[in-house]
Structure formats: structure tokens, C-alpha cells
Amino acid sequence: MALNLVVAAATALVLVNTVVYARELFGGSNADVALALACFGAGSMVIALAAPRILDRAPDRTLMGTGEAPVITATMA
């Protein structure tokens, strides 16, 4: 349950702050917001496609814990 909270919080921060960063901070357009969100989605797809191979070698809790630590650190920053 705690891992779901971590993922939900990180996703919410990305969805909300991407617009703010791309438009206001960097002075971008709507296309820049779309590109930033596409990059986030591409990264998610890379992990989703790599996860089965990783899970053949490591337990699922290890994989989730490895992803959880940087997400929590980045969220707190």
C-alpha cells in the first residue's frame, strides 16, 4: 500500500509540475509540455518493458525497493 502512495505522489507531481516548469520556468509552449510528458511516458515504458527481465533475476520487492528510494528522495527535494 505504501508503494502505491509513493507512485501516486510522484505521478501527481510530474503531471502538475511539468506544466509549471515547461511553461513558466522555461518559457515553453504547449508542444514543450507535450514533449516533456512524452519523455516521462517513454521512461515509464522502458521500465515496464525491462521489468520482466529484471524480475527473472531479482525478487519483486527488490525491484520495487530500488525504484522506491530515488522516487522518495526526489519527491522530498
PDB file of N, CA and C in Angstrom:
ATOM      1  N   MET A   1       0.824  -1.192   0.000  1.00  0.00           N
ATOM      2  CA  MET A   1       0.000   0.000   0.000  1.00  0.00           C
ATOM      3  C   MET A   1       0.873   1.263   0.000  1.00  0.00           C
ATOM      4  N   ALA A   2       1.972   1.222   0.732  1.00  0.00           N
ATOM      5  CA  ALA A   2       2.853   2.388   0.793  1.00  0.00           C
ATOM      6  C   ALA A   2       3.506   2.648  -0.558  1.00  0.00           C
ATOM      7  N   LEU A   3       3.829   1.579  -1.290  1.00  0.00           N
ATOM      8  CA  LEU A   3       4.422   1.766  -2.614  1.00  0.00           C
ATOM      9  C   LEU A   3       3.441   2.437  -3.573  1.00  0.00           C
ATOM     10  N   ASN A   4       2.171   2.099  -3.441  1.00  0.00           N
ATOM     11  CA  ASN A   4       1.156   2.754  -4.271  1.00  0.00           C
ATOM     12  C   ASN A   4       1.092   4.248  -3.975  1.00  0.00           C
ATOM     13  N   LEU A   5       1.236   4.602  -2.721  1.00  0.00           N
ATOM     14  CA  LEU A   5       1.237   6.013  -2.325  1.00  0.00           C
ATOM     15  C   LEU A   5       2.438   6.737  -2.922  1.00  0.00           C
ATOM     16  N   VAL A   6       3.598   6.080  -2.906  1.00  0.00           N
ATOM     17  CA  VAL A   6       4.809   6.677  -3.477  1.00  0.00           C
ATOM     18  C   VAL A   6       4.621   6.928  -4.969  1.00  0.00           C
ATOM     19  N   VAL A   7       4.108   5.937  -5.685  1.00  0.00           N
ATOM     20  CA  VAL A   7       3.907   6.079  -7.131  1.00  0.00           C
ATOM     21  C   VAL A   7       2.870   7.154  -7.430  1.00  0.00           C
ATOM     22  N   ALA A   8       1.790   7.175  -6.678  1.00  0.00           N
ATOM     23  CA  ALA A   8       0.739   8.171  -6.907  1.00  0.00           C
ATOM     24  C   ALA A   8       1.247   9.585  -6.651  1.00  0.00           C
ATOM     25  N   ALA A   9       2.026   9.760  -5.597  1.00  0.00           N
ATOM     26  CA  ALA A   9       2.558  11.088  -5.287  1.00  0.00           C
ATOM     27  C   ALA A   9       3.532  11.562  -6.363  1.00  0.00           C
ATOM     28  N   ALA A  10       4.394  10.679  -6.805  1.00  0.00           N
ATOM     29  CA  ALA A  10       5.357  11.056  -7.848  1.00  0.00           C
ATOM     30  C   ALA A  10       4.654  11.379  -9.162  1.00  0.00           C
ATOM     31  N   THR A  11       3.666  10.595  -9.519  1.00  0.00           N
ATOM     32  CA  THR A  11       2.930  10.851 -10.755  1.00  0.00           C
ATOM     33  C   THR A  11       2.176  12.173 -10.687  1.00  0.00           C
ATOM     34  N   ALA A  12       1.566  12.457  -9.555  1.00  0.00           N
ATOM     35  CA  ALA A  12       0.848  13.726  -9.396  1.00  0.00           C
ATOM     36  C   ALA A  12       1.805  14.907  -9.512  1.00  0.00           C
ATOM     37  N   LEU A  13       2.977  14.781  -8.903  1.00  0.00           N
ATOM     38  CA  LEU A  13       3.963  15.866  -9.004  1.00  0.00           C
ATOM     39  C   LEU A  13       4.408  16.076 -10.449  1.00  0.00           C
ATOM     40  N   VAL A  14       4.614  15.005 -11.167  1.00  0.00           N
ATOM     41  CA  VAL A  14       5.031  15.136 -12.573  1.00  0.00           C
ATOM     42  C   VAL A  14       3.935  15.808 -13.391  1.00  0.00           C
ATOM     43  N   LEU A  15       2.709  15.352 -13.240  1.00  0.00           N
ATOM     44  CA  LEU A  15       1.617  15.902 -14.052  1.00  0.00           C
ATOM     45  C   LEU A  15       1.378  17.380 -13.774  1.00  0.00           C
ATOM     46  N   VAL A  16       1.443  17.772 -12.530  1.00  0.00           N
ATOM     47  CA  VAL A  16       1.183  19.166 -12.173  1.00  0.00           C
ATOM     48  C   VAL A  16       2.388  20.051 -12.466  1.00  0.00           C
ATOM     49  N   ASN A  17       3.555  19.617 -12.028  1.00  0.00           N
ATOM     50  CA  ASN A  17       4.733  20.468 -12.141  1.00  0.00           C
ATOM     51  C   ASN A  17       5.317  20.540 -13.545  1.00  0.00           C
ATOM     52  N   THR A  18       5.047  19.563 -14.384  1.00  0.00           N
ATOM     53  CA  THR A  18       5.557  19.628 -15.753  1.00  0.00           C
ATOM     54  C   THR A  18       5.017  20.855 -16.464  1.00  0.00           C
ATOM     55  N   VAL A  19       3.759  21.123 -16.279  1.00  0.00           N
ATOM     56  CA  VAL A  19       3.159  22.297 -16.910  1.00  0.00           C
ATOM     57  C   VAL A  19       3.811  23.573 -16.382  1.00  0.00           C
ATOM     58  N   VAL A  20       3.986  23.640 -15.078  1.00  0.00           N
ATOM     59  CA  VAL A  20       4.577  24.828 -14.476  1.00  0.00           C
ATOM     60  C   VAL A  20       6.013  25.016 -14.956  1.00  0.00           C
ATOM     61  N   TYR A  21       6.807  23.953 -14.922  1.00  0.00           N
ATOM     62  CA  TYR A  21       8.214  24.063 -15.327  1.00  0.00           C
ATOM     63  C   TYR A  21       8.339  24.391 -16.808  1.00  0.00           C
ATOM     64  N   ALA A  22       7.630  23.667 -17.639  1.00  0.00           N
ATOM     65  CA  ALA A  22       7.786  23.861 -19.086  1.00  0.00           C
ATOM     66  C   ALA A  22       7.266  25.216 -19.554  1.00  0.00           C
ATOM     67  N   ARG A  23       6.156  25.661 -19.000  1.00  0.00           N
ATOM     68  CA  ARG A  23       5.554  26.908 -19.480  1.00  0.00           C
ATOM     69  C   ARG A  23       6.135  28.133 -18.797  1.00  0.00           C
ATOM     70  N   GLU A  24       6.170  28.125 -17.486  1.00  0.00           N
ATOM     71  CA  GLU A  24       6.547  29.325 -16.744  1.00  0.00           C
ATOM     72  C   GLU A  24       8.055  29.452 -16.543  1.00  0.00           C
ATOM     73  N   LEU A  25       8.674  28.399 -16.056  1.00  0.00           N
ATOM     74  CA  LEU A  25      10.089  28.471 -15.708  1.00  0.00           C
ATOM     75  C   LEU A  25      10.975  28.517 -16.947  1.00  0.00           C
ATOM     76  N   PHE A  26      10.660  27.681 -17.945  1.00  0.00           N
ATOM     77  CA  PHE A  26      11.473  27.615 -19.157  1.00  0.00           C
ATOM     78  C   PHE A  26      10.883  28.398 -20.322  1.00  0.00           C
ATOM     79  N   GLY A  27       9.705  28.971 -20.143  1.00  0.00           N
ATOM     80  CA  GLY A  27       9.084  29.780 -21.189  1.00  0.00           C
ATOM     81  C   GLY A  27       8.685  28.991 -22.425  1.00  0.00           C
ATOM     82  N   GLY A  28       8.288  27.739 -22.232  1.00  0.00           N
ATOM     83  CA  GLY A  28       7.935  26.873 -23.353  1.00  0.00           C
ATOM     84  C   GLY A  28       6.488  27.012 -23.786  1.00  0.00           C
ATOM     85  N   SER A  29       6.169  26.256 -24.811  1.00  0.00           N
ATOM     86  CA  SER A  29       4.818  26.262 -25.375  1.00  0.00           C
ATOM     87  C   SER A  29       4.088  24.978 -24.967  1.00  0.00           C
ATOM     88  N   ASN A  30       2.866  24.844 -25.479  1.00  0.00           N
ATOM     89  CA  ASN A  30       2.108  23.621 -25.226  1.00  0.00           C
ATOM     90  C   ASN A  30       2.820  22.408 -25.811  1.00  0.00           C
ATOM     91  N   ALA A  31       3.497  22.590 -26.928  1.00  0.00           N
ATOM     92  CA  ALA A  31       4.254  21.491 -27.532  1.00  0.00           C
ATOM     93  C   ALA A  31       5.396  21.054 -26.619  1.00  0.00           C
ATOM     94  N   ASP A  32       6.004  21.986 -25.918  1.00  0.00           N
ATOM     95  CA  ASP A  32       7.071  21.641 -24.982  1.00  0.00           C
ATOM     96  C   ASP A  32       6.532  20.849 -23.794  1.00  0.00           C
ATOM     97  N   VAL A  33       5.346  21.201 -23.340  1.00  0.00           N
ATOM     98  CA  VAL A  33       4.703  20.441 -22.261  1.00  0.00           C
ATOM     99  C   VAL A  33       4.428  19.018 -22.743  1.00  0.00           C
ATOM    100  N   ALA A  34       3.916  18.895 -23.947  1.00  0.00           N
ATOM    101  CA  ALA A  34       3.631  17.570 -24.503  1.00  0.00           C
ATOM    102  C   ALA A  34       4.906  16.749 -24.641  1.00  0.00           C
ATOM    103  N   LEU A  35       5.985  17.376 -25.070  1.00  0.00           N
ATOM    104  CA  LEU A  35       7.255  16.674 -25.219  1.00  0.00           C
ATOM    105  C   LEU A  35       7.778  16.208 -23.863  1.00  0.00           C
ATOM    106  N   ALA A  36       7.679  17.046 -22.852  1.00  0.00           N
ATOM    107  CA  ALA A  36       8.135  16.673 -21.518  1.00  0.00           C
ATOM    108  C   ALA A  36       7.321  15.500 -20.967  1.00  0.00           C
ATOM    109  N   LEU A  37       6.012  15.534 -21.157  1.00  0.00           N
ATOM    110  CA  LEU A  37       5.168  14.435 -20.700  1.00  0.00           C
ATOM    111  C   LEU A  37       5.437  13.166 -21.500  1.00  0.00           C
ATOM    112  N   ALA A  38       5.744  13.314 -22.787  1.00  0.00           N
ATOM    113  CA  ALA A  38       6.090  12.151 -23.610  1.00  0.00           C
ATOM    114  C   ALA A  38       7.381  11.502 -23.120  1.00  0.00           C
ATOM    115  N   CYS A  39       8.337  12.304 -22.711  1.00  0.00           N
ATOM    116  CA  CYS A  39       9.592  11.769 -22.162  1.00  0.00           C
ATOM    117  C   CYS A  39       9.337  11.006 -20.871  1.00  0.00           C
ATOM    118  N   PHE A  40       8.467  11.527 -20.028  1.00  0.00           N
ATOM    119  CA  PHE A  40       8.106  10.829 -18.799  1.00  0.00           C
ATOM    120  C   PHE A  40       7.444   9.496 -19.125  1.00  0.00           C
ATOM    121  N   GLY A  41       6.551   9.514 -20.092  1.00  0.00           N
ATOM    122  CA  GLY A  41       5.879   8.279 -20.505  1.00  0.00           C
ATOM    123  C   GLY A  41       6.841   7.282 -21.124  1.00  0.00           C
ATOM    124  N   ALA A  42       7.806   7.769 -21.905  1.00  0.00           N
ATOM    125  CA  ALA A  42       8.797   6.878 -22.514  1.00  0.00           C
ATOM    126  C   ALA A  42       9.650   6.212 -21.442  1.00  0.00           C
ATOM    127  N   GLY A  43      10.030   6.951 -20.432  1.00  0.00           N
ATOM    128  CA  GLY A  43      10.784   6.366 -19.331  1.00  0.00           C
ATOM    129  C   GLY A  43       9.986   5.299 -18.604  1.00  0.00           C
ATOM    130  N   SER A  44       8.711   5.549 -18.426  1.00  0.00           N
ATOM    131  CA  SER A  44       7.844   4.553 -17.789  1.00  0.00           C
ATOM    132  C   SER A  44       7.745   3.290 -18.640  1.00  0.00           C
ATOM    133  N   MET A  45       7.672   3.465 -19.955  1.00  0.00           N
ATOM    134  CA  MET A  45       7.601   2.311 -20.857  1.00  0.00           C
ATOM    135  C   MET A  45       8.897   1.507 -20.847  1.00  0.00           C
ATOM    136  N   VAL A  46      10.024   2.186 -20.764  1.00  0.00           N
ATOM    137  CA  VAL A  46      11.307   1.472 -20.707  1.00  0.00           C
ATOM    138  C   VAL A  46      11.341   0.561 -19.482  1.00  0.00           C
ATOM    139  N   ILE A  47      10.937   1.086 -18.347  1.00  0.00           N
ATOM    140  CA  ILE A  47      10.924   0.278 -17.128  1.00  0.00           C
ATOM    141  C   ILE A  47       9.894  -0.842 -17.234  1.00  0.00           C
ATOM    142  N   ALA A  48       8.726  -0.542 -17.773  1.00  0.00           N
ATOM    143  CA  ALA A  48       7.690  -1.566 -17.897  1.00  0.00           C
ATOM    144  C   ALA A  48       8.143  -2.709 -18.811  1.00  0.00           C
ATOM    145  N   LEU A  49       8.866  -2.386 -19.869  1.00  0.00           N
ATOM    146  CA  LEU A  49       9.343  -3.427 -20.781  1.00  0.00           C
ATOM    147  C   LEU A  49      10.554  -4.173 -20.226  1.00  0.00           C
ATOM    148  N   ALA A  50      11.350  -3.513 -19.398  1.00  0.00           N
ATOM    149  CA  ALA A  50      12.531  -4.157 -18.820  1.00  0.00           C
ATOM    150  C   ALA A  50      12.203  -4.960 -17.559  1.00  0.00           C
ATOM    151  N   ALA A  51      11.110  -4.657 -16.913  1.00  0.00           N
ATOM    152  CA  ALA A  51      10.775  -5.290 -15.636  1.00  0.00           C
ATOM    153  C   ALA A  51      10.709  -6.819 -15.702  1.00  0.00           C
ATOM    154  N   PRO A  52      10.098  -7.423 -16.712  1.00  0.00           N
ATOM    155  CA  PRO A  52      10.072  -8.896 -16.718  1.00  0.00           C
ATOM    156  C   PRO A  52      11.459  -9.528 -16.729  1.00  0.00           C
ATOM    157  N   ARG A  53      12.380  -8.956 -17.472  1.00  0.00           N
ATOM    158  CA  ARG A  53      13.746  -9.495 -17.489  1.00  0.00           C
ATOM    159  C   ARG A  53      14.428  -9.310 -16.135  1.00  0.00           C
ATOM    160  N   ILE A  54      14.198  -8.159 -15.529  1.00  0.00           N
ATOM    161  CA  ILE A  54      14.804  -7.913 -14.217  1.00  0.00           C
ATOM    162  C   ILE A  54      14.209  -8.858 -13.181  1.00  0.00           C
ATOM    163  N   LEU A  55      12.903  -9.091 -13.270  1.00  0.00           N
ATOM    164  CA  LEU A  55      12.247  -9.957 -12.296  1.00  0.00           C
ATOM    165  C   LEU A  55      12.643 -11.418 -12.443  1.00  0.00           C
ATOM    166  N   ASP A  56      13.206 -11.799 -13.588  1.00  0.00           N
ATOM    167  CA  ASP A  56      13.748 -13.154 -13.729  1.00  0.00           C
ATOM    168  C   ASP A  56      14.990 -13.340 -12.861  1.00  0.00           C
ATOM    169  N   ARG A  57      15.670 -12.242 -12.562  1.00  0.00           N
ATOM    170  CA  ARG A  57      16.927 -12.306 -11.814  1.00  0.00           C
ATOM    171  C   ARG A  57      16.809 -11.848 -10.362  1.00  0.00           C
ATOM    172  N   ALA A  58      15.817 -11.036 -10.068  1.00  0.00           N
ATOM    173  CA  ALA A  58      15.703 -10.465  -8.722  1.00  0.00           C
ATOM    174  C   ALA A  58      14.251 -10.570  -8.245  1.00  0.00           C
ATOM    175  N   PRO A  59      14.046 -10.652  -6.942  1.00  0.00           N
ATOM    176  CA  PRO A  59      12.673 -10.677  -6.423  1.00  0.00           C
ATOM    177  C   PRO A  59      11.951  -9.346  -6.658  1.00  0.00           C
ATOM    178  N   ASP A  60      10.638  -9.415  -6.694  1.00  0.00           N
ATOM    179  CA  ASP A  60       9.855  -8.218  -6.987  1.00  0.00           C
ATOM    180  C   ASP A  60      10.034  -7.128  -5.937  1.00  0.00           C
ATOM    181  N   ARG A  61      10.177  -7.489  -4.682  1.00  0.00           N
ATOM    182  CA  ARG A  61      10.361  -6.480  -3.631  1.00  0.00           C
ATOM    183  C   ARG A  61      11.677  -5.722  -3.797  1.00  0.00           C
ATOM    184  N   THR A  62      12.694  -6.421  -4.285  1.00  0.00           N
ATOM    185  CA  THR A  62      13.979  -5.761  -4.528  1.00  0.00           C
ATOM    186  C   THR A  62      13.843  -4.726  -5.629  1.00  0.00           C
ATOM    187  N   LEU A  63      13.155  -5.089  -6.707  1.00  0.00           N
ATOM    188  CA  LEU A  63      12.943  -4.152  -7.814  1.00  0.00           C
ATOM    189  C   LEU A  63      12.130  -2.948  -7.356  1.00  0.00           C
ATOM    190  N   MET A  64      11.064  -3.203  -6.618  1.00  0.00           N
ATOM    191  CA  MET A  64      10.229  -2.094  -6.150  1.00  0.00           C
ATOM    192  C   MET A  64      10.989  -1.203  -5.177  1.00  0.00           C
ATOM    193  N   GLY A  65      11.773  -1.796  -4.302  1.00  0.00           N
ATOM    194  CA  GLY A  65      12.556  -1.008  -3.349  1.00  0.00           C
ATOM    195  C   GLY A  65      13.621  -0.171  -4.033  1.00  0.00           C
ATOM    196  N   THR A  66      14.213  -0.733  -5.093  1.00  0.00           N
ATOM    197  CA  THR A  66      15.220   0.003  -5.855  1.00  0.00           C
ATOM    198  C   THR A  66      14.603   1.222  -6.538  1.00  0.00           C
ATOM    199  N   GLY A  67      13.392   1.099  -7.010  1.00  0.00           N
ATOM    200  CA  GLY A  67      12.713   2.232  -7.629  1.00  0.00           C
ATOM    201  C   GLY A  67      12.128   3.200  -6.624  1.00  0.00           C
ATOM    202  N   GLU A  68      11.779   2.674  -5.480  1.00  0.00           N
ATOM    203  CA  GLU A  68      11.142   3.498  -4.455  1.00  0.00           C
ATOM    204  C   GLU A  68      12.095   4.529  -3.858  1.00  0.00           C
ATOM    205  N   ALA A  69      13.313   4.127  -3.605  1.00  0.00           N
ATOM    206  CA  ALA A  69      14.268   5.020  -2.935  1.00  0.00           C
ATOM    207  C   ALA A  69      14.524   6.318  -3.713  1.00  0.00           C
ATOM    208  N   PRO A  70      14.833   6.270  -5.015  1.00  0.00           N
ATOM    209  CA  PRO A  70      15.047   7.539  -5.722  1.00  0.00           C
ATOM    210  C   PRO A  70      13.778   8.375  -5.850  1.00  0.00           C
ATOM    211  N   VAL A  71      12.633   7.718  -5.962  1.00  0.00           N
ATOM    212  CA  VAL A  71      11.377   8.471  -6.082  1.00  0.00           C
ATOM    213  C   VAL A  71      11.111   9.242  -4.790  1.00  0.00           C
ATOM    214  N   ILE A  72      11.299   8.600  -3.647  1.00  0.00           N
ATOM    215  CA  ILE A  72      11.076   9.276  -2.368  1.00  0.00           C
ATOM    216  C   ILE A  72      12.074  10.422  -2.210  1.00  0.00           C
ATOM    217  N   THR A  73      13.326  10.168  -2.557  1.00  0.00           N
ATOM    218  CA  THR A  73      14.351  11.203  -2.442  1.00  0.00           C
ATOM    219  C   THR A  73      14.029  12.398  -3.324  1.00  0.00           C
ATOM    220  N   ALA A  74      13.632  12.132  -4.560  1.00  0.00           N
ATOM    221  CA  ALA A  74      13.310  13.226  -5.491  1.00  0.00           C
ATOM    222  C   ALA A  74      12.065  13.979  -5.056  1.00  0.00           C
ATOM    223  N   THR A  75      11.105  13.270  -4.488  1.00  0.00           N
ATOM    224  CA  THR A  75       9.864  13.911  -4.027  1.00  0.00           C
ATOM    225  C   THR A  75      10.135  14.837  -2.840  1.00  0.00           C
ATOM    226  N   MET A  76      11.048  14.442  -1.987  1.00  0.00           N
ATOM    227  CA  MET A  76      11.365  15.252  -0.817  1.00  0.00           C
ATOM    228  C   MET A  76      12.205  16.488  -1.168  1.00  0.00           C
ATOM    229  N   ALA A  77      12.899  16.436  -2.283  1.00  0.00           N
ATOM    230  CA  ALA A  77      13.803  17.544  -2.654  1.00  0.00           C
ATOM    231  C   ALA A  77      13.068  18.774  -3.103  1.00  0.00           C
TER     232      ALA A  77
END
